[in-house]
Amino acid sequence: MDHSDPRFYHTEHHAKSNQSTSVGLHLTQPLKPTLGSPSILARELPDLAPSDFHLFGPLKRHLGGMVLETEDDLISELRNWFDNLDVDFFRVGINSLLSRWQKCIDLHGDYVEK
């Protein structure tokens, strides 16, 4: 592998993922070698807050209003919910990542609504 090729490098940062400045901080960090995908430059991949992930909106709606008395009740409910998810649910979430990253890049790191 040619480590001089920027397609094989990424950056690391410790900025909070829900701050728009995290993208700017990410882009200023030094490059470090990685075995990342050559088709996507890691410097172009912004940080989206965990609350933005495809999984959490539907999970929040599912759990909304439930009263779960114990941690075991919560674990059981989560297992049932995950067991009933269709593979297409995950496919849609994964396939939407590139367009959502591009929106964030186009907005120069500002918050991206769906």
PDB file of N, CA and C in Angstrom:
ATOM      1  N   MET A   1       0.851  -1.172   0.000  1.00  0.00           N
ATOM      2  CA  MET A   1       0.000   0.000   0.000  1.00  0.00           C
ATOM      3  C   MET A   1       0.896   1.235   0.000  1.00  0.00           C
ATOM      4  N   ASP A   2       0.545   2.223  -0.792  1.00  0.00           N
ATOM      5  CA  ASP A   2       1.293   3.467  -0.896  1.00  0.00           C
ATOM      6  C   ASP A   2       0.755   4.461   0.130  1.00  0.00           C
ATOM      7  N   HIS A   3       1.493   4.654   1.233  1.00  0.00           N
ATOM      8  CA  HIS A   3       1.018   5.550   2.298  1.00  0.00           C
ATOM      9  C   HIS A   3       1.101   7.020   1.919  1.00  0.00           C
ATOM     10  N   SER A   4       1.717   7.329   0.783  1.00  0.00           N
ATOM     11  CA  SER A   4       1.733   8.727   0.350  1.00  0.00           C
ATOM     12  C   SER A   4       0.419   9.111  -0.318  1.00  0.00           C
ATOM     13  N   ASP A   5      -0.399   8.116  -0.639  1.00  0.00           N
ATOM     14  CA  ASP A   5      -1.695   8.359  -1.270  1.00  0.00           C
ATOM     15  C   ASP A   5      -2.686   8.794  -0.190  1.00  0.00           C
ATOM     16  N   PRO A   6      -3.254  10.016  -0.273  1.00  0.00           N
ATOM     17  CA  PRO A   6      -4.153  10.502   0.785  1.00  0.00           C
ATOM     18  C   PRO A   6      -5.428   9.695   0.931  1.00  0.00           C
ATOM     19  N   ARG A   7      -5.749   8.849  -0.022  1.00  0.00           N
ATOM     20  CA  ARG A   7      -6.965   8.042   0.099  1.00  0.00           C
ATOM     21  C   ARG A   7      -6.836   7.006   1.199  1.00  0.00           C
ATOM     22  N   PHE A   8      -5.638   6.728   1.675  1.00  0.00           N
ATOM     23  CA  PHE A   8      -5.418   5.710   2.688  1.00  0.00           C
ATOM     24  C   PHE A   8      -5.110   6.312   4.057  1.00  0.00           C
ATOM     25  N   TYR A   9      -5.526   7.543   4.273  1.00  0.00           N
ATOM     26  CA  TYR A   9      -5.258   8.217   5.529  1.00  0.00           C
ATOM     27  C   TYR A   9      -6.554   8.743   6.130  1.00  0.00           C
ATOM     28  N   HIS A  10      -6.557   8.892   7.434  1.00  0.00           N
ATOM     29  CA  HIS A  10      -7.707   9.497   8.106  1.00  0.00           C
ATOM     30  C   HIS A  10      -7.199  10.339   9.259  1.00  0.00           C
ATOM     31  N   THR A  11      -8.079  11.075   9.864  1.00  0.00           N
ATOM     32  CA  THR A  11      -7.710  11.886  11.018  1.00  0.00           C
ATOM     33  C   THR A  11      -8.462  11.391  12.234  1.00  0.00           C
ATOM     34  N   GLU A  12      -7.925  11.723  13.401  1.00  0.00           N
ATOM     35  CA  GLU A  12      -8.600  11.414  14.652  1.00  0.00           C
ATOM     36  C   GLU A  12      -8.788  12.719  15.413  1.00  0.00           C
ATOM     37  N   HIS A  13      -9.887  12.833  16.128  1.00  0.00           N
ATOM     38  CA  HIS A  13     -10.131  14.025  16.929  1.00  0.00           C
ATOM     39  C   HIS A  13     -10.960  13.636  18.130  1.00  0.00           C
ATOM     40  N   HIS A  14     -11.063  14.554  19.042  1.00  0.00           N
ATOM     41  CA  HIS A  14     -11.817  14.294  20.271  1.00  0.00           C
ATOM     42  C   HIS A  14     -12.891  15.347  20.497  1.00  0.00           C
ATOM     43  N   ALA A  15     -13.334  15.997  19.439  1.00  0.00           N
ATOM     44  CA  ALA A  15     -14.400  16.995  19.561  1.00  0.00           C
ATOM     45  C   ALA A  15     -15.728  16.300  19.817  1.00  0.00           C
ATOM     46  N   LYS A  16     -16.620  16.973  20.525  1.00  0.00           N
ATOM     47  CA  LYS A  16     -17.956  16.418  20.746  1.00  0.00           C
ATOM     48  C   LYS A  16     -18.664  16.311  19.406  1.00  0.00           C
ATOM     49  N   SER A  17     -19.282  15.166  19.167  1.00  0.00           N
ATOM     50  CA  SER A  17     -19.851  14.910  17.848  1.00  0.00           C
ATOM     51  C   SER A  17     -21.091  15.739  17.546  1.00  0.00           C
ATOM     52  N   ASN A  18     -21.713  16.334  18.544  1.00  0.00           N
ATOM     53  CA  ASN A  18     -22.928  17.096  18.272  1.00  0.00           C
ATOM     54  C   ASN A  18     -22.667  18.590  18.117  1.00  0.00           C
ATOM     55  N   GLN A  19     -21.418  18.984  17.953  1.00  0.00           N
ATOM     56  CA  GLN A  19     -21.091  20.387  17.739  1.00  0.00           C
ATOM     57  C   GLN A  19     -20.665  20.589  16.300  1.00  0.00           C
ATOM     58  N   SER A  20     -21.184  21.632  15.667  1.00  0.00           N
ATOM     59  CA  SER A  20     -20.850  21.873  14.269  1.00  0.00           C
ATOM     60  C   SER A  20     -19.372  22.149  14.086  1.00  0.00           C
ATOM     61  N   THR A  21     -18.690  22.635  15.116  1.00  0.00           N
ATOM     62  CA  THR A  21     -17.260  22.905  14.993  1.00  0.00           C
ATOM     63  C   THR A  21     -16.433  21.634  14.933  1.00  0.00           C
ATOM     64  N   SER A  22     -17.042  20.494  15.263  1.00  0.00           N
ATOM     65  CA  SER A  22     -16.275  19.248  15.252  1.00  0.00           C
ATOM     66  C   SER A  22     -15.767  18.911  13.864  1.00  0.00           C
ATOM     67  N   VAL A  23     -16.527  19.268  12.846  1.00  0.00           N
ATOM     68  CA  VAL A  23     -16.065  19.005  11.483  1.00  0.00           C
ATOM     69  C   VAL A  23     -14.820  19.828  11.208  1.00  0.00           C
ATOM     70  N   GLY A  24     -14.842  21.096  11.597  1.00  0.00           N
ATOM     71  CA  GLY A  24     -13.669  21.945  11.402  1.00  0.00           C
ATOM     72  C   GLY A  24     -12.460  21.424  12.154  1.00  0.00           C
ATOM     73  N   LEU A  25     -12.656  20.990  13.393  1.00  0.00           N
ATOM     74  CA  LEU A  25     -11.555  20.422  14.164  1.00  0.00           C
ATOM     75  C   LEU A  25     -11.031  19.157  13.502  1.00  0.00           C
ATOM     76  N   HIS A  26     -11.928  18.355  13.013  1.00  0.00           N
ATOM     77  CA  HIS A  26     -11.565  17.100  12.358  1.00  0.00           C
ATOM     78  C   HIS A  26     -10.663  17.365  11.159  1.00  0.00           C
ATOM     79  N   LEU A  27     -10.975  18.382  10.396  1.00  0.00           N
ATOM     80  CA  LEU A  27     -10.233  18.657   9.172  1.00  0.00           C
ATOM     81  C   LEU A  27      -8.873  19.284   9.429  1.00  0.00           C
ATOM     82  N   THR A  28      -8.609  19.755  10.650  1.00  0.00           N
ATOM     83  CA  THR A  28      -7.320  20.375  10.942  1.00  0.00           C
ATOM     84  C   THR A  28      -6.332  19.414  11.589  1.00  0.00           C
ATOM     85  N   GLN A  29      -6.752  18.215  11.921  1.00  0.00           N
ATOM     86  CA  GLN A  29      -5.872  17.258  12.577  1.00  0.00           C
ATOM     87  C   GLN A  29      -4.907  16.636  11.574  1.00  0.00           C
ATOM     88  N   PRO A  30      -3.711  16.226  12.041  1.00  0.00           N
ATOM     89  CA  PRO A  30      -2.754  15.597  11.128  1.00  0.00           C
ATOM     90  C   PRO A  30      -3.271  14.253  10.624  1.00  0.00           C
ATOM     91  N   LEU A  31      -2.810  13.877   9.463  1.00  0.00           N
ATOM     92  CA  LEU A  31      -3.203  12.599   8.868  1.00  0.00           C
ATOM     93  C   LEU A  31      -2.474  11.452   9.544  1.00  0.00           C
ATOM     94  N   LYS A  32      -3.164  10.330   9.697  1.00  0.00           N
ATOM     95  CA  LYS A  32      -2.573   9.113  10.247  1.00  0.00           C
ATOM     96  C   LYS A  32      -2.942   7.957   9.335  1.00  0.00           C
ATOM     97  N   PRO A  33      -2.061   6.978   9.159  1.00  0.00           N
ATOM     98  CA  PRO A  33      -2.361   5.865   8.246  1.00  0.00           C
ATOM     99  C   PRO A  33      -3.555   5.039   8.712  1.00  0.00           C
ATOM    100  N   THR A  34      -4.304   4.534   7.766  1.00  0.00           N
ATOM    101  CA  THR A  34      -5.412   3.629   8.036  1.00  0.00           C
ATOM    102  C   THR A  34      -5.651   2.770   6.808  1.00  0.00           C
ATOM    103  N   LEU A  35      -6.379   1.710   6.968  1.00  0.00           N
ATOM    104  CA  LEU A  35      -6.731   0.851   5.838  1.00  0.00           C
ATOM    105  C   LEU A  35      -8.120   1.191   5.342  1.00  0.00           C
ATOM    106  N   GLY A  36      -8.501   2.436   5.387  1.00  0.00           N
ATOM    107  CA  GLY A  36      -9.834   2.878   5.001  1.00  0.00           C
ATOM    108  C   GLY A  36     -10.115   2.700   3.524  1.00  0.00           C
ATOM    109  N   SER A  37     -11.348   2.942   3.173  1.00  0.00           N
ATOM    110  CA  SER A  37     -11.796   2.796   1.792  1.00  0.00           C
ATOM    111  C   SER A  37     -11.125   3.826   0.898  1.00  0.00           C
ATOM    112  N   PRO A  38     -10.536   3.397  -0.214  1.00  0.00           N
ATOM    113  CA  PRO A  38      -9.907   4.356  -1.109  1.00  0.00           C
ATOM    114  C   PRO A  38     -10.916   5.204  -1.870  1.00  0.00           C
ATOM    115  N   SER A  39     -12.180   4.802  -1.897  1.00  0.00           N
ATOM    116  CA  SER A  39     -13.165   5.535  -2.680  1.00  0.00           C
ATOM    117  C   SER A  39     -13.748   6.735  -1.938  1.00  0.00           C
ATOM    118  N   ILE A  40     -13.536   6.806  -0.620  1.00  0.00           N
ATOM    119  CA  ILE A  40     -14.078   7.912   0.170  1.00  0.00           C
ATOM    120  C   ILE A  40     -12.943   8.495   1.000  1.00  0.00           C
ATOM    121  N   LEU A  41     -12.672   9.764   0.833  1.00  0.00           N
ATOM    122  CA  LEU A  41     -11.650  10.405   1.653  1.00  0.00           C
ATOM    123  C   LEU A  41     -12.200  10.625   3.051  1.00  0.00           C
ATOM    124  N   ALA A  42     -11.528  10.085   4.045  1.00  0.00           N
ATOM    125  CA  ALA A  42     -12.005  10.205   5.420  1.00  0.00           C
ATOM    126  C   ALA A  42     -12.048  11.656   5.876  1.00  0.00           C
ATOM    127  N   ARG A  43     -11.216  12.525   5.307  1.00  0.00           N
ATOM    128  CA  ARG A  43     -11.253  13.938   5.685  1.00  0.00           C
ATOM    129  C   ARG A  43     -12.579  14.568   5.283  1.00  0.00           C
ATOM    130  N   GLU A  44     -13.332  13.945   4.395  1.00  0.00           N
ATOM    131  CA  GLU A  44     -14.595  14.502   3.936  1.00  0.00           C
ATOM    132  C   GLU A  44     -15.791  13.966   4.706  1.00  0.00           C
ATOM    133  N   LEU A  45     -15.578  13.084   5.684  1.00  0.00           N
ATOM    134  CA  LEU A  45     -16.683  12.465   6.409  1.00  0.00           C
ATOM    135  C   LEU A  45     -16.932  13.218   7.710  1.00  0.00           C
ATOM    136  N   PRO A  46     -18.013  13.957   7.797  1.00  0.00           N
ATOM    137  CA  PRO A  46     -18.282  14.733   9.007  1.00  0.00           C
ATOM    138  C   PRO A  46     -18.800  13.867  10.144  1.00  0.00           C
ATOM    139  N   ASP A  47     -18.791  14.466  11.318  1.00  0.00           N
ATOM    140  CA  ASP A  47     -19.307  13.828  12.518  1.00  0.00           C
ATOM    141  C   ASP A  47     -20.777  14.164  12.667  1.00  0.00           C
ATOM    142  N   LEU A  48     -21.631  13.180  12.683  1.00  0.00           N
ATOM    143  CA  LEU A  48     -23.038  13.414  12.979  1.00  0.00           C
ATOM    144  C   LEU A  48     -23.290  12.955  14.404  1.00  0.00           C
ATOM    145  N   ALA A  49     -24.113  13.686  15.105  1.00  0.00           N
ATOM    146  CA  ALA A  49     -24.410  13.344  16.489  1.00  0.00           C
ATOM    147  C   ALA A  49     -25.061  11.968  16.555  1.00  0.00           C
ATOM    148  N   PRO A  50     -24.765  11.201  17.611  1.00  0.00           N
ATOM    149  CA  PRO A  50     -25.388   9.878  17.739  1.00  0.00           C
ATOM    150  C   PRO A  50     -26.910   9.920  17.672  1.00  0.00           C
ATOM    151  N   SER A  51     -27.515  11.028  18.115  1.00  0.00           N
ATOM    152  CA  SER A  51     -28.973  11.133  18.064  1.00  0.00           C
ATOM    153  C   SER A  51     -29.487  11.208  16.629  1.00  0.00           C
ATOM    154  N   ASP A  52     -28.587  11.463  15.677  1.00  0.00           N
ATOM    155  CA  ASP A  52     -28.976  11.535  14.274  1.00  0.00           C
ATOM    156  C   ASP A  52     -28.962  10.171  13.589  1.00  0.00           C
ATOM    157  N   PHE A  53     -28.411   9.175  14.223  1.00  0.00           N
ATOM    158  CA  PHE A  53     -28.278   7.879  13.582  1.00  0.00           C
ATOM    159  C   PHE A  53     -29.647   7.303  13.248  1.00  0.00           C
ATOM    160  N   HIS A  54     -29.726   6.606  12.152  1.00  0.00           N
ATOM    161  CA  HIS A  54     -30.959   6.033  11.614  1.00  0.00           C
ATOM    162  C   HIS A  54     -31.716   5.204  12.658  1.00  0.00           C
ATOM    163  N   LEU A  55     -31.003   4.553  13.506  1.00  0.00           N
ATOM    164  CA  LEU A  55     -31.588   3.634  14.478  1.00  0.00           C
ATOM    165  C   LEU A  55     -32.378   4.334  15.582  1.00  0.00           C
ATOM    166  N   PHE A  56     -31.899   5.491  16.039  1.00  0.00           N
ATOM    167  CA  PHE A  56     -32.414   6.035  17.291  1.00  0.00           C
ATOM    168  C   PHE A  56     -33.787   6.690  17.202  1.00  0.00           C
ATOM    169  N   GLY A  57     -34.142   7.287  16.082  1.00  0.00           N
ATOM    170  CA  GLY A  57     -35.479   7.875  15.952  1.00  0.00           C
ATOM    171  C   GLY A  57     -36.576   6.830  16.087  1.00  0.00           C
ATOM    172  N   PRO A  58     -36.515   5.762  15.279  1.00  0.00           N
ATOM    173  CA  PRO A  58     -37.523   4.707  15.404  1.00  0.00           C
ATOM    174  C   PRO A  58     -37.517   4.027  16.776  1.00  0.00           C
ATOM    175  N   LEU A  59     -36.342   3.855  17.360  1.00  0.00           N
ATOM    176  CA  LEU A  59     -36.271   3.238  18.681  1.00  0.00           C
ATOM    177  C   LEU A  59     -36.926   4.141  19.726  1.00  0.00           C
ATOM    178  N   LYS A  60     -36.673   5.434  19.634  1.00  0.00           N
ATOM    179  CA  LYS A  60     -37.288   6.386  20.567  1.00  0.00           C
ATOM    180  C   LYS A  60     -38.810   6.368  20.423  1.00  0.00           C
ATOM    181  N   ARG A  61     -39.301   6.331  19.182  1.00  0.00           N
ATOM    182  CA  ARG A  61     -40.760   6.276  18.966  1.00  0.00           C
ATOM    183  C   ARG A  61     -41.340   4.980  19.530  1.00  0.00           C
ATOM    184  N   HIS A  62     -40.628   3.879  19.361  1.00  0.00           N
ATOM    185  CA  HIS A  62     -41.107   2.591  19.868  1.00  0.00           C
ATOM    186  C   HIS A  62     -41.198   2.597  21.397  1.00  0.00           C
ATOM    187  N   LEU A  63     -40.176   3.140  22.038  1.00  0.00           N
ATOM    188  CA  LEU A  63     -40.138   3.123  23.503  1.00  0.00           C
ATOM    189  C   LEU A  63     -40.954   4.249  24.134  1.00  0.00           C
ATOM    190  N   GLY A  64     -41.339   5.243  23.339  1.00  0.00           N
ATOM    191  CA  GLY A  64     -42.058   6.403  23.862  1.00  0.00           C
ATOM    192  C   GLY A  64     -43.318   6.014  24.613  1.00  0.00           C
ATOM    193  N   GLY A  65     -43.439   6.506  25.825  1.00  0.00           N
ATOM    194  CA  GLY A  65     -44.619   6.255  26.637  1.00  0.00           C
ATOM    195  C   GLY A  65     -44.599   4.946  27.404  1.00  0.00           C
ATOM    196  N   MET A  66     -43.648   4.077  27.120  1.00  0.00           N
ATOM    197  CA  MET A  66     -43.575   2.805  27.853  1.00  0.00           C
ATOM    198  C   MET A  66     -43.073   3.046  29.268  1.00  0.00           C
ATOM    199  N   VAL A  67     -43.573   2.252  30.186  1.00  0.00           N
ATOM    200  CA  VAL A  67     -43.069   2.258  31.554  1.00  0.00           C
ATOM    201  C   VAL A  67     -42.399   0.910  31.773  1.00  0.00           C
ATOM    202  N   LEU A  68     -41.099   0.935  31.878  1.00  0.00           N
ATOM    203  CA  LEU A  68     -40.324  -0.286  32.084  1.00  0.00           C
ATOM    204  C   LEU A  68     -39.767  -0.234  33.500  1.00  0.00           C
ATOM    205  N   GLU A  69     -40.155  -1.192  34.296  1.00  0.00           N
ATOM    206  CA  GLU A  69     -39.848  -1.163  35.725  1.00  0.00           C
ATOM    207  C   GLU A  69     -38.404  -1.526  36.044  1.00  0.00           C
ATOM    208  N   THR A  70     -37.822  -2.412  35.270  1.00  0.00           N
ATOM    209  CA  THR A  70     -36.479  -2.897  35.599  1.00  0.00           C
ATOM    210  C   THR A  70     -35.581  -2.844  34.372  1.00  0.00           C
ATOM    211  N   GLU A  71     -34.302  -2.968  34.619  1.00  0.00           N
ATOM    212  CA  GLU A  71     -33.338  -3.035  33.522  1.00  0.00           C
ATOM    213  C   GLU A  71     -33.613  -4.268  32.661  1.00  0.00           C
ATOM    214  N   ASP A  72     -34.003  -5.367  33.291  1.00  0.00           N
ATOM    215  CA  ASP A  72     -34.334  -6.582  32.537  1.00  0.00           C
ATOM    216  C   ASP A  72     -35.521  -6.357  31.609  1.00  0.00           C
ATOM    217  N   ASP A  73     -36.510  -5.575  32.058  1.00  0.00           N
ATOM    218  CA  ASP A  73     -37.650  -5.242  31.192  1.00  0.00           C
ATOM    219  C   ASP A  73     -37.180  -4.470  29.968  1.00  0.00           C
ATOM    220  N   LEU A  74     -36.281  -3.523  30.184  1.00  0.00           N
ATOM    221  CA  LEU A  74     -35.742  -2.736  29.076  1.00  0.00           C
ATOM    222  C   LEU A  74     -34.964  -3.623  28.112  1.00  0.00           C
ATOM    223  N   ILE A  75     -34.113  -4.468  28.639  1.00  0.00           N
ATOM    224  CA  ILE A  75     -33.325  -5.369  27.788  1.00  0.00           C
ATOM    225  C   ILE A  75     -34.240  -6.273  26.982  1.00  0.00           C
ATOM    226  N   SER A  76     -35.265  -6.802  27.612  1.00  0.00           N
ATOM    227  CA  SER A  76     -36.216  -7.669  26.919  1.00  0.00           C
ATOM    228  C   SER A  76     -36.927  -6.917  25.794  1.00  0.00           C
ATOM    229  N   GLU A  77     -37.368  -5.696  26.080  1.00  0.00           N
ATOM    230  CA  GLU A  77     -38.058  -4.892  25.069  1.00  0.00           C
ATOM    231  C   GLU A  77     -37.134  -4.558  23.908  1.00  0.00           C
ATOM    232  N   LEU A  78     -35.893  -4.208  24.213  1.00  0.00           N
ATOM    233  CA  LEU A  78     -34.920  -3.914  23.156  1.00  0.00           C
ATOM    234  C   LEU A  78     -34.647  -5.140  22.295  1.00  0.00           C
ATOM    235  N   ARG A  79     -34.497  -6.292  22.924  1.00  0.00           N
ATOM    236  CA  ARG A  79     -34.255  -7.530  22.156  1.00  0.00           C
ATOM    237  C   ARG A  79     -35.431  -7.839  21.236  1.00  0.00           C
ATOM    238  N   ASN A  80     -36.639  -7.695  21.754  1.00  0.00           N
ATOM    239  CA  ASN A  80     -37.824  -7.944  20.926  1.00  0.00           C
ATOM    240  C   ASN A  80     -37.876  -6.981  19.749  1.00  0.00           C
ATOM    241  N   TRP A  81     -37.577  -5.704  20.009  1.00  0.00           N
ATOM    242  CA  TRP A  81     -37.618  -4.701  18.945  1.00  0.00           C
ATOM    243  C   TRP A  81     -36.587  -5.023  17.866  1.00  0.00           C
ATOM    244  N   PHE A  82     -35.351  -5.291  18.284  1.00  0.00           N
ATOM    245  CA  PHE A  82     -34.299  -5.616  17.313  1.00  0.00           C
ATOM    246  C   PHE A  82     -34.619  -6.896  16.545  1.00  0.00           C
ATOM    247  N   ASP A  83     -35.154  -7.895  17.231  1.00  0.00           N
ATOM    248  CA  ASP A  83     -35.490  -9.165  16.566  1.00  0.00           C
ATOM    249  C   ASP A  83     -36.536  -8.984  15.478  1.00  0.00           C
ATOM    250  N   ASN A  84     -37.394  -7.984  15.616  1.00  0.00           N
ATOM    251  CA  ASN A  84     -38.468  -7.769  14.651  1.00  0.00           C
ATOM    252  C   ASN A  84     -38.123  -6.782  13.541  1.00  0.00           C
ATOM    253  N   LEU A  85     -36.910  -6.242  13.553  1.00  0.00           N
ATOM    254  CA  LEU A  85     -36.503  -5.325  12.483  1.00  0.00           C
ATOM    255  C   LEU A  85     -36.185  -6.106  11.217  1.00  0.00           C
ATOM    256  N   ASP A  86     -36.612  -5.558  10.105  1.00  0.00           N
ATOM    257  CA  ASP A  86     -36.339  -6.148   8.802  1.00  0.00           C
ATOM    258  C   ASP A  86     -34.956  -5.700   8.330  1.00  0.00           C
ATOM    259  N   VAL A  87     -34.306  -6.514   7.525  1.00  0.00           N
ATOM    260  CA  VAL A  87     -32.986  -6.172   6.994  1.00  0.00           C
ATOM    261  C   VAL A  87     -33.026  -4.870   6.195  1.00  0.00           C
ATOM    262  N   ASP A  88     -34.160  -4.554   5.582  1.00  0.00           N
ATOM    263  CA  ASP A  88     -34.285  -3.311   4.815  1.00  0.00           C
ATOM    264  C   ASP A  88     -34.161  -2.071   5.702  1.00  0.00           C
ATOM    265  N   PHE A  89     -34.558  -2.179   6.956  1.00  0.00           N
ATOM    266  CA  PHE A  89     -34.400  -1.061   7.890  1.00  0.00           C
ATOM    267  C   PHE A  89     -32.927  -0.650   7.966  1.00  0.00           C
ATOM    268  N   PHE A  90     -32.045  -1.629   8.099  1.00  0.00           N
ATOM    269  CA  PHE A  90     -30.613  -1.350   8.188  1.00  0.00           C
ATOM    270  C   PHE A  90     -30.047  -0.923   6.836  1.00  0.00           C
ATOM    271  N   ARG A  91     -30.541  -1.512   5.768  1.00  0.00           N
ATOM    272  CA  ARG A  91     -30.083  -1.152   4.422  1.00  0.00           C
ATOM    273  C   ARG A  91     -30.371   0.322   4.135  1.00  0.00           C
ATOM    274  N   VAL A  92     -31.567   0.781   4.476  1.00  0.00           N
ATOM    275  CA  VAL A  92     -31.937   2.184   4.258  1.00  0.00           C
ATOM    276  C   VAL A  92     -31.016   3.106   5.064  1.00  0.00           C
ATOM    277  N   GLY A  93     -30.765   2.750   6.310  1.00  0.00           N
ATOM    278  CA  GLY A  93     -29.902   3.576   7.152  1.00  0.00           C
ATOM    279  C   GLY A  93     -28.488   3.675   6.620  1.00  0.00           C
ATOM    280  N   ILE A  94     -27.937   2.564   6.196  1.00  0.00           N
ATOM    281  CA  ILE A  94     -26.579   2.561   5.653  1.00  0.00           C
ATOM    282  C   ILE A  94     -26.526   3.318   4.337  1.00  0.00           C
ATOM    283  N   ASN A  95     -27.503   3.102   3.476  1.00  0.00           N
ATOM    284  CA  ASN A  95     -27.508   3.765   2.170  1.00  0.00           C
ATOM    285  C   ASN A  95     -27.713   5.272   2.271  1.00  0.00           C
ATOM    286  N   SER A  96     -28.279   5.755   3.365  1.00  0.00           N
ATOM    287  CA  SER A  96     -28.512   7.198   3.507  1.00  0.00           C
ATOM    288  C   SER A  96     -27.297   7.945   4.052  1.00  0.00           C
ATOM    289  N   LEU A  97     -26.287   7.227   4.525  1.00  0.00           N
ATOM    290  CA  LEU A  97     -25.147   7.897   5.151  1.00  0.00           C
ATOM    291  C   LEU A  97     -24.423   8.858   4.216  1.00  0.00           C
ATOM    292  N   LEU A  98     -24.133   8.437   3.007  1.00  0.00           N
ATOM    293  CA  LEU A  98     -23.378   9.299   2.098  1.00  0.00           C
ATOM    294  C   LEU A  98     -24.108  10.600   1.808  1.00  0.00           C
ATOM    295  N   SER A  99     -25.414  10.531   1.565  1.00  0.00           N
ATOM    296  CA  SER A  99     -26.153  11.765   1.275  1.00  0.00           C
ATOM    297  C   SER A  99     -26.223  12.664   2.506  1.00  0.00           C
ATOM    298  N   ARG A 100     -26.325  12.087   3.687  1.00  0.00           N
ATOM    299  CA  ARG A 100     -26.369  12.893   4.909  1.00  0.00           C
ATOM    300  C   ARG A 100     -25.013  13.532   5.189  1.00  0.00           C
ATOM    301  N   TRP A 101     -23.930  12.783   4.954  1.00  0.00           N
ATOM    302  CA  TRP A 101     -22.594  13.361   5.104  1.00  0.00           C
ATOM    303  C   TRP A 101     -22.414  14.516   4.122  1.00  0.00           C
ATOM    304  N   GLN A 102     -22.869  14.310   2.879  1.00  0.00           N
ATOM    305  CA  GLN A 102     -22.714  15.350   1.865  1.00  0.00           C
ATOM    306  C   GLN A 102     -23.470  16.617   2.264  1.00  0.00           C
ATOM    307  N   LYS A 103     -24.669  16.463   2.842  1.00  0.00           N
ATOM    308  CA  LYS A 103     -25.421  17.634   3.314  1.00  0.00           C
ATOM    309  C   LYS A 103     -24.614  18.400   4.356  1.00  0.00           C
ATOM    310  N   CYS A 104     -24.008  17.673   5.276  1.00  0.00           N
ATOM    311  CA  CYS A 104     -23.216  18.305   6.329  1.00  0.00           C
ATOM    312  C   CYS A 104     -22.009  19.025   5.728  1.00  0.00           C
ATOM    313  N   ILE A 105     -21.358  18.411   4.758  1.00  0.00           N
ATOM    314  CA  ILE A 105     -20.218  19.041   4.084  1.00  0.00           C
ATOM    315  C   ILE A 105     -20.675  20.298   3.362  1.00  0.00           C
ATOM    316  N   ASP A 106     -21.786  20.197   2.634  1.00  0.00           N
ATOM    317  CA  ASP A 106     -22.308  21.342   1.883  1.00  0.00           C
ATOM    318  C   ASP A 106     -22.662  22.513   2.798  1.00  0.00           C
ATOM    319  N   LEU A 107     -23.057  22.206   4.033  1.00  0.00           N
ATOM    320  CA  LEU A 107     -23.413  23.245   5.005  1.00  0.00           C
ATOM    321  C   LEU A 107     -22.212  23.648   5.863  1.00  0.00           C
ATOM    322  N   HIS A 108     -21.024  23.206   5.460  1.00  0.00           N
ATOM    323  CA  HIS A 108     -19.773  23.534   6.158  1.00  0.00           C
ATOM    324  C   HIS A 108     -19.814  23.120   7.624  1.00  0.00           C
ATOM    325  N   GLY A 109     -20.396  21.960   7.883  1.00  0.00           N
ATOM    326  CA  GLY A 109     -20.410  21.406   9.230  1.00  0.00           C
ATOM    327  C   GLY A 109     -21.590  21.805  10.075  1.00  0.00           C
ATOM    328  N   ASP A 110     -22.468  22.655   9.569  1.00  0.00           N
ATOM    329  CA  ASP A 110     -23.637  23.026  10.360  1.00  0.00           C
ATOM    330  C   ASP A 110     -24.556  21.826  10.537  1.00  0.00           C
ATOM    331  N   TYR A 111     -25.419  21.904  11.524  1.00  0.00           N
ATOM    332  CA  TYR A 111     -26.310  20.797  11.860  1.00  0.00           C
ATOM    333  C   TYR A 111     -27.207  20.429  10.680  1.00  0.00           C
ATOM    334  N   VAL A 112     -27.384  19.138  10.481  1.00  0.00           N
ATOM    335  CA  VAL A 112     -28.183  18.633   9.359  1.00  0.00           C
ATOM    336  C   VAL A 112     -29.461  18.015   9.892  1.00  0.00           C
ATOM    337  N   GLU A 113     -30.595  18.572   9.513  1.00  0.00           N
ATOM    338  CA  GLU A 113     -31.888  17.953   9.811  1.00  0.00           C
ATOM    339  C   GLU A 113     -32.160  16.934   8.724  1.00  0.00           C
ATOM    340  N   LYS A 114     -33.006  15.944   9.010  1.00  0.00           N
ATOM    341  CA  LYS A 114     -33.326  14.937   7.990  1.00  0.00           C
ATOM    342  C   LYS A 114     -33.983  15.548   6.844  1.00  0.00           C
TER     343      LYS A 114
END
